[in-house]
């Protein structure tokens, strides 16, 4: 992750780097990139072919991911993915972020959780911190429209009920997963994390950033 400074406000890039060896959910499609046109072979340009899961790296889940009749990534309103957010340091929460792990939340439309001491860029870890369904329900009551996490899922890896995703569905919230929040202090920022407009997509990768508030 990098932090840069523009003429006005500092920007934190909280996206994973998409590359060979990118850790993916066990059994899901591995990232692959192949050059199909090469300048060294006489082409005037280089062109690549990508093979990937829709859940590659930092991504937004679409309702279609956890509801058979849910909307796809292309149909999602972008408004939840842009605007002021609260970054919460939830390290030490254990297996799930509970309501008791939350700070006082006032007028937060978007909440992002940091759960890793150091984001696992090179290997998959199955014992990540999920978010308790009760926490999602409580956040929805506070008016939160989007939940983000540095973990690969809001549910535990071995969950069959996907109760956290269902709580998100019930509240018509949106989800960002796989964010990189290592160098982001707890506090308020502007979030910009636009999912790709993938027709039929159950998820879509994002280039996610946080920007210092004015």
Protein backbone atom coordinates (compact mmCIF):
# COMPACT_ATOMS: atom_id res chain seq x y z
CA UNK A 1 0.00 0.00 0.00
CA UNK A 2 1.23 3.49 -0.74
CA UNK A 3 0.34 6.94 0.48
CA UNK A 4 0.75 9.92 -1.80
CA UNK A 5 0.02 13.59 -1.47
CA UNK A 6 -1.80 15.63 -4.10
CA UNK A 7 -2.18 19.41 -4.09
CA UNK A 8 -4.94 19.28 -1.50
CA UNK A 9 -5.37 16.04 0.44
CA UNK A 10 -3.38 12.93 1.26
CA UNK A 11 -4.43 9.70 -0.45
CA UNK A 12 -4.01 6.14 0.84
CA UNK A 13 -4.20 3.36 -1.76
CA UNK A 14 -5.90 0.49 0.12
CA UNK A 15 -6.05 -1.92 -2.84
CA UNK A 16 -4.19 -5.18 -3.26
CA UNK A 17 -1.78 -5.55 -6.17
CA UNK A 18 -3.26 -7.93 -8.77
CA UNK A 19 -0.46 -10.27 -9.79
CA UNK A 20 0.63 -13.91 -10.18
CA UNK A 21 0.62 -15.59 -6.79
CA UNK A 22 -2.24 -13.45 -5.49
CA UNK A 23 -3.85 -15.44 -2.64
CA UNK A 24 -7.45 -16.44 -3.46
CA UNK A 25 -10.18 -18.32 -1.63
CA UNK A 26 -9.26 -22.03 -1.55
CA UNK A 27 -10.54 -23.68 -4.73
CA UNK A 28 -11.29 -20.39 -6.50
CA UNK A 29 -9.67 -19.29 -9.77
CA UNK A 30 -6.04 -18.26 -9.50
CA UNK A 31 -4.84 -15.03 -11.06
CA UNK A 32 -3.06 -15.49 -14.39
CA UNK A 33 -1.84 -13.00 -16.96
CA UNK A 34 -0.65 -13.93 -20.45
CA UNK A 35 0.74 -11.64 -23.13
CA UNK A 36 -1.20 -12.30 -26.34
CA UNK A 37 0.42 -9.58 -28.49
CA UNK A 38 4.07 -8.80 -27.96
CA UNK A 39 6.11 -5.89 -29.25
CA UNK A 40 9.19 -8.12 -29.41
CA UNK A 41 7.30 -10.31 -31.90
CA UNK A 42 6.54 -7.37 -34.15
CA UNK A 43 3.26 -6.11 -32.69
CA UNK A 44 3.05 -2.32 -32.38
CA UNK A 45 1.59 -2.79 -28.86
CA UNK A 46 1.56 -5.19 -25.93
CA UNK A 47 -1.80 -6.80 -25.05
CA UNK A 48 -2.57 -9.24 -22.24
CA UNK A 49 -5.22 -11.80 -21.39
CA UNK A 50 -6.37 -12.10 -17.75
CA UNK A 51 -7.82 -15.14 -15.99
CA UNK A 52 -9.22 -14.31 -12.56
CA UNK A 53 -12.01 -14.72 -10.04
CA UNK A 54 -14.46 -11.86 -9.62
CA UNK A 55 -13.32 -11.86 -5.98
CA UNK A 56 -9.69 -11.10 -6.85
CA UNK A 57 -7.88 -8.83 -4.42
CA UNK A 58 -9.82 -5.84 -3.09
CA UNK A 59 -13.37 -6.28 -4.32
CA UNK A 60 -17.02 -5.46 -3.79
CA UNK A 61 -19.51 -8.27 -3.30
CA UNK A 62 -22.69 -7.89 -5.31
CA UNK A 63 -25.99 -9.14 -3.84
CA UNK A 64 -25.95 -11.82 -6.56
CA UNK A 65 -23.07 -13.40 -4.63
CA UNK A 66 -25.31 -14.35 -1.70
CA UNK A 67 -28.85 -14.14 -3.15
CA UNK A 68 -29.98 -16.01 -6.26
CA UNK A 69 -32.22 -13.10 -7.26
CA UNK A 70 -29.77 -10.39 -6.17
CA UNK A 71 -28.53 -7.65 -8.49
CA UNK A 72 -25.20 -8.07 -10.24
CA UNK A 73 -22.10 -5.91 -9.97
CA UNK A 74 -23.06 -3.82 -13.00
CA UNK A 75 -26.41 -2.87 -11.46
CA UNK A 76 -25.07 -1.71 -8.09
CA UNK A 77 -25.56 1.97 -7.24
CA UNK A 78 -22.15 3.62 -6.82
CA UNK A 79 -23.30 6.00 -4.08
CA UNK A 80 -22.48 3.63 -1.17
CA UNK A 81 -18.93 3.26 -2.48
CA UNK A 82 -18.13 6.99 -2.40
CA UNK A 83 -18.19 9.25 0.63
CA UNK A 84 -17.12 9.70 4.22
CA UNK A 85 -16.17 6.56 6.11
CA UNK A 86 -14.91 5.54 9.53
CA UNK A 87 -11.88 3.25 9.81
CA UNK A 88 -12.04 1.11 12.95
CA UNK A 89 -9.04 -0.73 14.41
CA UNK A 90 -10.59 -4.09 15.31
CA UNK A 91 -7.36 -5.98 15.91
CA UNK A 92 -7.76 -8.19 18.93
CA UNK A 93 -11.45 -8.78 18.33
CA UNK A 94 -10.89 -12.52 18.07
CA UNK A 95 -12.75 -14.71 15.60
CA UNK A 96 -15.52 -12.14 14.99
CA UNK A 97 -15.95 -8.40 15.40
CA UNK A 98 -18.73 -8.06 17.97
CA UNK A 99 -20.86 -5.07 18.88
CA UNK A 100 -18.69 -4.62 21.97
CA UNK A 101 -15.64 -4.11 19.75
CA UNK A 102 -17.16 -1.05 18.09
CA UNK A 103 -16.41 2.53 19.07
CA UNK A 104 -19.14 5.12 19.38
CA UNK A 105 -20.41 5.61 15.83
CA UNK A 106 -21.96 8.93 14.95
CA UNK A 107 -23.21 9.70 11.45
CA UNK A 108 -21.10 7.03 9.77
CA UNK A 109 -22.51 5.82 6.46
CA UNK A 110 -19.51 3.56 5.83
CA UNK A 111 -17.35 1.58 8.27
CA UNK A 112 -14.08 -0.19 7.40
CA UNK A 113 -12.49 -2.69 9.79
CA UNK A 114 -8.79 -3.31 10.18
CA UNK A 115 -8.26 -6.80 11.63
CA UNK A 116 -4.72 -7.74 10.52
CA UNK A 117 -1.53 -6.53 12.18
CA UNK A 118 0.04 -6.96 8.76
CA UNK A 119 -1.95 -7.82 5.65
CA UNK A 120 -1.06 -11.34 4.33
CA UNK A 121 -0.02 -10.43 0.78
CA UNK A 122 1.85 -13.65 0.06
CA UNK A 123 -0.25 -16.44 1.54
CA UNK A 124 -3.83 -17.37 2.35
CA UNK A 125 -4.80 -17.41 6.03
CA UNK A 126 -7.98 -19.25 6.98
CA UNK A 127 -8.26 -17.93 10.55
CA UNK A 128 -9.17 -14.36 9.66
CA UNK A 129 -11.51 -12.20 11.74
CA UNK A 130 -15.11 -12.22 10.46
CA UNK A 131 -17.91 -9.83 11.41
CA UNK A 132 -20.72 -11.08 13.64
CA UNK A 133 -24.21 -10.87 12.07
CA UNK A 134 -25.40 -8.99 15.17
CA UNK A 135 -22.73 -6.37 14.53
CA UNK A 136 -23.97 -5.87 10.97
CA UNK A 137 -27.56 -5.59 12.22
CA UNK A 138 -26.49 -3.00 14.80
CA UNK A 139 -24.52 -1.00 12.24
CA UNK A 140 -27.53 -1.02 9.90
CA UNK A 141 -29.63 0.48 12.69
CA UNK A 142 -27.07 3.30 12.94
CA UNK A 143 -27.55 4.06 9.25
CA UNK A 144 -24.41 2.38 7.93
CA UNK A 145 -24.75 1.60 4.21
CA UNK A 146 -21.42 -0.13 3.54
CA UNK A 147 -19.12 -2.39 5.52
CA UNK A 148 -15.51 -2.95 4.52
CA UNK A 149 -12.86 -5.28 5.91
CA UNK A 150 -9.27 -6.24 5.27
CA UNK A 151 -10.34 -9.86 5.68
CA UNK A 152 -11.35 -11.90 2.61
CA UNK A 153 -14.93 -12.29 3.86
CA UNK A 154 -17.37 -10.96 6.43
CA UNK A 155 -18.18 -14.61 7.25
CA UNK A 156 -15.76 -17.24 8.58
CA UNK A 157 -14.15 -19.43 5.92
CA UNK A 158 -15.97 -22.56 7.08
CA UNK A 159 -19.40 -20.90 7.35
CA UNK A 160 -22.24 -22.69 5.56
CA UNK A 161 -25.02 -20.38 6.75
CA UNK A 162 -23.20 -17.16 5.63
CA UNK A 163 -25.17 -15.36 8.32
CA UNK A 164 -23.18 -12.13 8.02
CA UNK A 165 -23.81 -11.91 4.27
CA UNK A 166 -27.51 -12.56 4.91
CA UNK A 167 -27.58 -9.77 7.49
CA UNK A 168 -26.06 -7.47 4.87
CA UNK A 169 -28.72 -8.59 2.38
CA UNK A 170 -31.54 -7.96 4.85
CA UNK A 171 -30.26 -4.44 5.48
CA UNK A 172 -29.52 -3.74 1.78
CA UNK A 173 -25.94 -2.81 2.63
CA UNK A 174 -22.85 -3.20 0.46
CA UNK A 175 -19.60 -5.03 1.18
CA UNK A 176 -15.94 -4.38 0.45
CA UNK A 177 -13.48 -7.18 1.21
CA UNK A 178 -9.72 -7.64 0.98
CA UNK A 179 -8.77 -4.03 1.72
CA UNK A 180 -5.23 -3.17 2.84
CA UNK A 181 -5.42 -0.95 5.91
CA UNK A 182 -2.00 -1.50 7.50
CA UNK A 183 -0.86 2.12 7.39
CA UNK A 184 -4.21 3.83 7.89
CA UNK A 185 -4.76 5.35 11.35
CA UNK A 186 -8.17 4.87 12.90
CA UNK A 187 -10.43 7.77 12.02
CA UNK A 188 -12.54 9.38 9.32
CA UNK A 189 -11.71 9.59 5.62
CA UNK A 190 -13.32 9.91 2.22
CA UNK A 191 -13.71 6.48 0.60
CA UNK A 192 -13.63 5.99 -3.16
CA UNK A 193 -13.90 2.31 -4.14
CA UNK A 194 -15.65 1.83 -7.45
CA UNK A 195 -16.44 -1.76 -8.49
CA UNK A 196 -15.96 -2.64 -12.14
CA UNK A 197 -19.20 -2.73 -14.14
CA UNK A 198 -19.27 -6.52 -14.61
CA UNK A 199 -22.56 -7.68 -16.14
CA UNK A 200 -23.63 -10.86 -14.37
CA UNK A 201 -20.84 -10.39 -11.86
CA UNK A 202 -21.34 -11.72 -8.35
CA UNK A 203 -18.47 -9.42 -7.34
CA UNK A 204 -16.09 -6.97 -8.97
CA UNK A 205 -12.52 -5.85 -8.22
CA UNK A 206 -12.08 -2.25 -7.04
CA UNK A 207 -9.29 0.29 -7.00
CA UNK A 208 -9.99 1.48 -3.48
CA UNK A 209 -8.55 4.62 -1.94
CA UNK A 210 -9.01 6.69 1.15
CA UNK A 211 -8.56 10.45 0.97
CA UNK A 212 -7.95 12.85 3.80
CA UNK A 213 -11.04 14.87 4.62
CA UNK A 214 -10.92 18.63 3.99
